[in-house]
Amino acid sequence: MNMLKNDNVRKEITGLLERFTNPDSLDLIAKSMFKRGIDIPSDNWSLLNRLIMLSHGTLDARGSKAWFRTGRYAMKASHFCIIAPKIITVESKDKKGKKETRLIGFRPIAVWAAEKTKGSKIEYKPDQPMPNFVGKELAESWGIEIEQGFENLKYYAFYSPTENKIRMATPDQQSFFHELAHAADDRIKKYGKVGEQTDQEIVAEFSSTILMRMFGLRSGEKNAYDYIVTYANRQHKDPIDSVIPLISRISKVVNLVMEENEKMNEVMV
């Protein structure tokens, strides 16, 4: 039986399958599994529908009535479709008088990305506590605001030098150290150009691996190495050749974090 007769349903499934030809598709799956701990209806959607939403480049999509309840309205001709099962109730062949449900296909449901709506400011309310990251107090002493949840689909975590903010969409400690290393590097070097810079990323990732060890925590050296290789390749360099010129800078970042953290602990004692 062909259950994908509806053109809109077939279009969404086809588009999603095409996304999986990209090596980053596993990252999309990982992001779709992340529960953000905030009041977003899509966190309760099926995995398939969350994947469809993310593949459309948004972190929050809802139907027009759901947006209206938040004080926002959907812009015309800007929706995409998630998929709902079509289920019917029929008499069971095995048990006389009994009813059973049967899946006969799927139907599209129109939803709009937050970016395609206008109106009142969207209020996201965290209902799960932020993980107690090692170094959190240090970051806060630098005036850095730490927030929970995604900022965009590209990152699990990020540091914004312009907003002096760290945003976390993962409980991973090394990811937090990576962003804290960015903040330390910024304090030492003063980031000029905002955005993903190769030298900044290598310094932050290498520093995060060292910090994990310095604090007696288990680190993902293989993941860190792969991360550094990715950025070294952008420079058409061997990863070792990319790291060596940055060793002094990495040392300054790690020392700043360790020394400042030690001072804070002395004050607390």
Protein backbone atom coordinates (compact mmCIF):
# COMPACT_ATOMS: atom_id res chain seq x y z
CA MET A 1 0.00 0.00 0.00
CA ASN A 2 1.29 3.45 -0.93
CA MET A 3 0.94 5.51 2.23
CA LEU A 4 2.63 8.62 0.80
CA LYS A 5 -0.02 9.58 -1.75
CA ASN A 6 -0.28 13.19 -0.58
CA ASP A 7 2.15 15.41 -2.50
CA ASN A 8 3.00 17.54 0.53
CA VAL A 9 3.82 14.47 2.61
CA ARG A 10 5.98 13.01 -0.14
CA LYS A 11 7.74 16.36 -0.61
CA GLU A 12 8.76 16.56 3.06
CA ILE A 13 9.99 12.96 3.19
CA THR A 14 11.94 13.39 -0.05
CA GLY A 15 13.54 16.59 1.20
CA LEU A 16 14.53 14.95 4.46
CA LEU A 17 16.07 11.95 2.69
CA GLU A 18 18.09 14.28 0.48
CA ARG A 19 19.46 15.94 3.63
CA PHE A 20 20.82 12.57 4.74
CA THR A 21 23.16 12.46 1.79
CA ASN A 22 25.10 15.14 3.67
CA PRO A 23 27.73 13.92 6.19
CA ASP A 24 26.29 16.32 8.77
CA SER A 25 23.02 14.39 8.82
CA LEU A 26 23.95 12.55 12.02
CA ASP A 27 24.39 15.93 13.69
CA LEU A 28 20.84 16.77 12.66
CA ILE A 29 19.59 13.59 14.30
CA ALA A 30 21.49 14.39 17.49
CA LYS A 31 19.98 17.86 17.65
CA SER A 32 16.51 16.47 17.07
CA MET A 33 16.94 14.21 20.12
CA PHE A 34 17.84 17.11 22.41
CA LYS A 35 15.02 18.15 24.74
CA ARG A 36 15.48 21.80 25.44
CA GLY A 37 13.63 21.99 28.74
CA ILE A 38 11.59 24.97 27.63
CA ASP A 39 7.98 25.45 26.66
CA ILE A 40 8.18 24.51 22.98
CA PRO A 41 5.45 22.22 21.55
CA SER A 42 7.78 20.56 19.04
CA ASP A 43 9.74 18.94 21.89
CA ASN A 44 6.74 16.60 22.14
CA TRP A 45 6.58 15.84 18.42
CA SER A 46 7.72 12.59 16.89
CA LEU A 47 11.37 12.25 15.94
CA LEU A 48 10.39 12.38 12.26
CA ASN A 49 8.59 15.69 12.65
CA ARG A 50 11.41 17.21 14.71
CA LEU A 51 13.82 16.20 11.95
CA ILE A 52 11.58 17.82 9.35
CA MET A 53 11.43 21.00 11.43
CA LEU A 54 15.21 21.18 11.85
CA SER A 55 15.76 20.43 8.17
CA HIS A 56 13.75 23.58 7.45
CA GLY A 57 16.28 25.57 9.45
CA THR A 58 14.20 26.45 12.49
CA LEU A 59 14.17 25.50 16.16
CA ASP A 60 10.53 26.31 16.81
CA ALA A 61 7.59 25.68 14.51
CA ARG A 62 3.87 25.64 15.35
CA GLY A 63 0.46 25.73 13.73
CA SER A 64 -1.25 29.07 13.11
CA LYS A 65 -3.62 28.65 16.08
CA ALA A 66 -0.74 27.77 18.41
CA TRP A 67 1.11 30.91 17.31
CA PHE A 68 -2.04 32.99 17.74
CA ARG A 69 -2.26 31.86 21.38
CA THR A 70 1.21 33.33 21.95
CA GLY A 71 0.22 36.67 20.44
CA ARG A 72 1.87 36.05 17.10
CA TYR A 73 0.49 35.46 13.63
CA ALA A 74 1.83 33.45 10.73
CA MET A 75 2.96 35.09 7.52
CA LYS A 76 1.20 33.97 4.36
CA ALA A 77 2.73 31.39 1.99
CA SER A 78 5.62 30.64 4.37
CA HIS A 79 4.62 27.35 5.95
CA PHE A 80 5.98 23.85 5.65
CA CYS A 81 4.35 20.58 6.62
CA ILE A 82 4.88 18.05 9.34
CA ILE A 83 3.27 14.65 9.08
CA ALA A 84 0.46 13.06 11.08
CA PRO A 85 -0.74 9.46 10.77
CA LYS A 86 -4.16 8.71 9.28
CA ILE A 87 -5.73 6.05 11.45
CA ILE A 88 -9.12 4.41 11.06
CA THR A 89 -11.07 2.10 13.32
CA VAL A 90 -12.30 -1.16 11.82
CA GLU A 91 -13.86 -4.34 13.06
CA SER A 92 -11.33 -6.97 14.01
CA LYS A 93 -11.27 -10.10 11.86
CA ASP A 94 -10.08 -12.24 14.76
CA LYS A 95 -12.42 -11.12 17.53
CA LYS A 96 -16.04 -10.63 16.67
CA GLY A 97 -17.45 -7.33 17.86
CA LYS A 98 -14.02 -5.94 18.69
CA LYS A 99 -12.54 -2.86 17.08
CA GLU A 100 -8.94 -2.29 16.02
CA THR A 101 -7.06 0.71 14.67
CA ARG A 102 -5.26 0.63 11.36
CA LEU A 103 -2.73 3.02 9.82
CA ILE A 104 -3.80 3.83 6.27
CA GLY A 105 -1.45 6.67 5.41
CA PHE A 106 -0.28 10.11 6.45
CA ARG A 107 -1.61 13.63 6.17
CA PRO A 108 0.24 16.94 6.16
CA ILE A 109 -0.17 19.55 8.89
CA ALA A 110 0.90 23.10 8.07
CA VAL A 111 3.26 24.75 10.56
CA TRP A 112 5.20 28.00 10.53
CA ALA A 113 8.74 28.59 11.71
CA ALA A 114 9.14 31.21 14.45
CA GLU A 115 11.12 33.27 11.94
CA LYS A 116 8.04 33.36 9.70
CA THR A 117 5.74 34.86 12.33
CA LYS A 118 5.23 38.35 13.70
CA GLY A 119 3.81 39.76 16.90
CA SER A 120 4.59 39.55 20.60
CA LYS A 121 8.03 38.55 21.82
CA ILE A 122 8.34 34.79 22.27
CA GLU A 123 8.88 33.94 25.94
CA TYR A 124 10.75 30.68 26.47
CA LYS A 125 10.55 29.47 30.04
CA PRO A 126 13.19 26.96 31.19
CA ASP A 127 11.73 24.24 33.37
CA GLN A 128 14.87 22.19 33.87
CA PRO A 129 17.88 23.33 35.90
CA MET A 130 21.11 24.29 34.17
CA PRO A 131 23.82 21.65 34.69
CA ASN A 132 26.31 22.66 37.36
CA PHE A 133 29.25 23.14 35.00
CA VAL A 134 32.74 23.32 36.46
CA GLY A 135 33.86 26.89 35.81
CA LYS A 136 30.34 28.32 35.82
CA GLU A 137 31.08 30.57 38.79
CA LEU A 138 34.24 31.82 37.09
CA ALA A 139 32.31 32.71 33.94
CA GLU A 140 29.71 34.54 36.00
CA SER A 141 32.46 36.45 37.86
CA TRP A 142 33.54 37.75 34.44
CA GLY A 143 30.02 39.03 33.95
CA ILE A 144 29.15 36.33 31.45
CA GLU A 145 25.49 35.37 31.27
CA ILE A 146 24.93 31.62 30.90
CA GLU A 147 21.75 30.52 29.17
CA GLN A 148 20.18 27.20 28.32
CA GLY A 149 18.96 26.09 24.89
CA PHE A 150 19.77 26.46 21.21
CA GLU A 151 20.66 29.77 19.61
CA ASN A 152 20.78 28.29 16.12
CA LEU A 153 21.14 24.94 14.41
CA LYS A 154 24.89 25.19 13.81
CA TYR A 155 26.05 24.90 17.39
CA TYR A 156 25.45 22.92 20.57
CA ALA A 157 27.06 25.78 22.47
CA PHE A 158 28.45 29.20 21.70
CA TYR A 159 30.15 32.21 23.25
CA SER A 160 29.09 35.66 22.13
CA PRO A 161 31.76 38.30 22.79
CA THR A 162 29.38 41.12 21.85
CA GLU A 163 26.68 39.97 24.30
CA ASN A 164 29.14 38.50 26.83
CA LYS A 165 27.03 35.35 26.90
CA ILE A 166 27.48 31.58 26.83
CA ARG A 167 24.53 29.56 25.57
CA MET A 168 24.47 25.81 26.17
CA ALA A 169 22.33 23.25 24.34
CA THR A 170 24.20 20.27 25.77
CA PRO A 171 25.14 19.11 29.29
CA ASP A 172 28.65 18.25 28.06
CA GLN A 173 31.34 19.70 30.35
CA GLN A 174 34.01 19.86 27.65
CA SER A 175 31.67 21.92 25.47
CA PHE A 176 31.32 24.36 28.35
CA PHE A 177 35.10 24.52 28.77
CA HIS A 178 35.36 25.18 25.03
CA GLU A 179 33.13 28.24 25.39
CA LEU A 180 34.83 29.32 28.61
CA ALA A 181 38.18 29.09 26.76
CA HIS A 182 36.74 31.38 24.09
CA ALA A 183 35.83 33.85 26.82
CA ALA A 184 39.32 33.64 28.37
CA ASP A 185 40.95 34.02 24.95
CA ASP A 186 38.75 37.06 24.33
CA ARG A 187 39.85 38.62 27.63
CA ILE A 188 43.50 38.14 26.69
CA LYS A 189 43.45 38.83 22.98
CA LYS A 190 40.20 40.78 22.50
CA TYR A 191 38.23 39.23 19.68
CA GLY A 192 37.85 41.65 16.84
CA LYS A 193 35.97 39.91 14.08
CA VAL A 194 32.90 38.17 15.43
CA GLY A 195 32.18 34.70 14.08
CA GLU A 196 33.79 31.33 13.56
CA GLN A 197 37.53 31.97 13.24
CA THR A 198 39.91 29.04 12.70
CA ASP A 199 42.55 30.15 15.20
CA GLN A 200 39.92 30.86 17.87
CA GLU A 201 38.31 27.45 17.42
CA ILE A 202 41.59 25.54 17.61
CA VAL A 203 42.66 27.46 20.73
CA ALA A 204 39.30 26.86 22.42
CA GLU A 205 39.13 23.14 21.60
CA PHE A 206 42.73 22.36 22.55
CA SER A 207 42.33 24.37 25.77
CA SER A 208 39.12 22.56 26.66
CA THR A 209 40.88 19.20 26.41
CA ILE A 210 43.67 20.39 28.71
CA LEU A 211 41.19 21.90 31.17
CA MET A 212 39.28 18.62 31.38
CA ARG A 213 42.50 16.88 32.42
CA MET A 214 43.53 19.69 34.79
CA PHE A 215 40.22 19.41 36.61
CA GLY A 216 40.49 15.62 36.75
CA LEU A 217 37.67 15.01 34.30
CA ARG A 218 37.47 12.60 31.42
CA SER A 219 37.81 14.28 28.05
CA GLY A 220 37.04 13.23 24.51
CA GLU A 221 40.49 13.55 22.96
CA LYS A 222 39.44 11.77 19.76
CA ASN A 223 36.53 14.17 19.24
CA ALA A 224 38.82 17.12 20.01
CA TYR A 225 41.39 15.88 17.50
CA ASP A 226 38.74 15.47 14.82
CA TYR A 227 37.47 18.97 15.58
CA ILE A 228 40.95 20.46 15.21
CA VAL A 229 41.55 18.49 11.98
CA THR A 230 38.38 20.02 10.53
CA TYR A 231 39.66 23.54 11.10
CA ALA A 232 43.23 22.68 10.06
CA ASN A 233 41.86 21.41 6.77
CA ARG A 234 40.28 24.80 6.17
CA GLN A 235 43.79 26.24 6.24
CA HIS A 236 45.09 23.35 4.12
CA LYS A 237 47.46 22.52 6.99
CA ASP A 238 48.48 19.49 8.96
CA PRO A 239 46.76 19.67 12.40
CA ILE A 240 50.14 19.76 14.18
CA ASP A 241 51.24 22.69 12.02
CA SER A 242 48.01 24.46 12.92
CA VAL A 243 48.40 23.94 16.67
CA ILE A 244 52.12 24.70 17.17
CA PRO A 245 51.91 28.47 16.45
CA LEU A 246 49.02 28.68 18.94
CA ILE A 247 50.66 26.81 21.85
CA SER A 248 51.66 29.99 23.71
CA ARG A 249 48.15 31.38 23.32
CA ILE A 250 46.61 28.10 24.51
CA SER A 251 48.90 28.16 27.55
CA LYS A 252 47.75 31.68 28.44
CA VAL A 253 44.09 30.66 28.16
CA VAL A 254 44.50 27.58 30.37
CA ASN A 255 46.60 29.47 32.93
CA LEU A 256 44.06 32.29 33.13
CA VAL A 257 41.19 29.89 33.79
CA MET A 258 43.14 27.87 36.36
CA GLU A 259 44.55 30.90 38.19
CA GLU A 260 41.25 32.78 38.30
CA ASN A 261 39.42 29.66 39.44
CA GLU A 262 41.99 29.08 42.20
CA LYS A 263 41.59 32.68 43.42
CA MET A 264 37.82 32.21 43.58
CA ASN A 265 38.18 29.03 45.62
CA GLU A 266 40.54 30.79 48.06
CA VAL A 267 37.99 33.57 48.59
CA MET A 268 35.20 31.04 49.15
CA VAL A 269 37.29 29.17 51.75
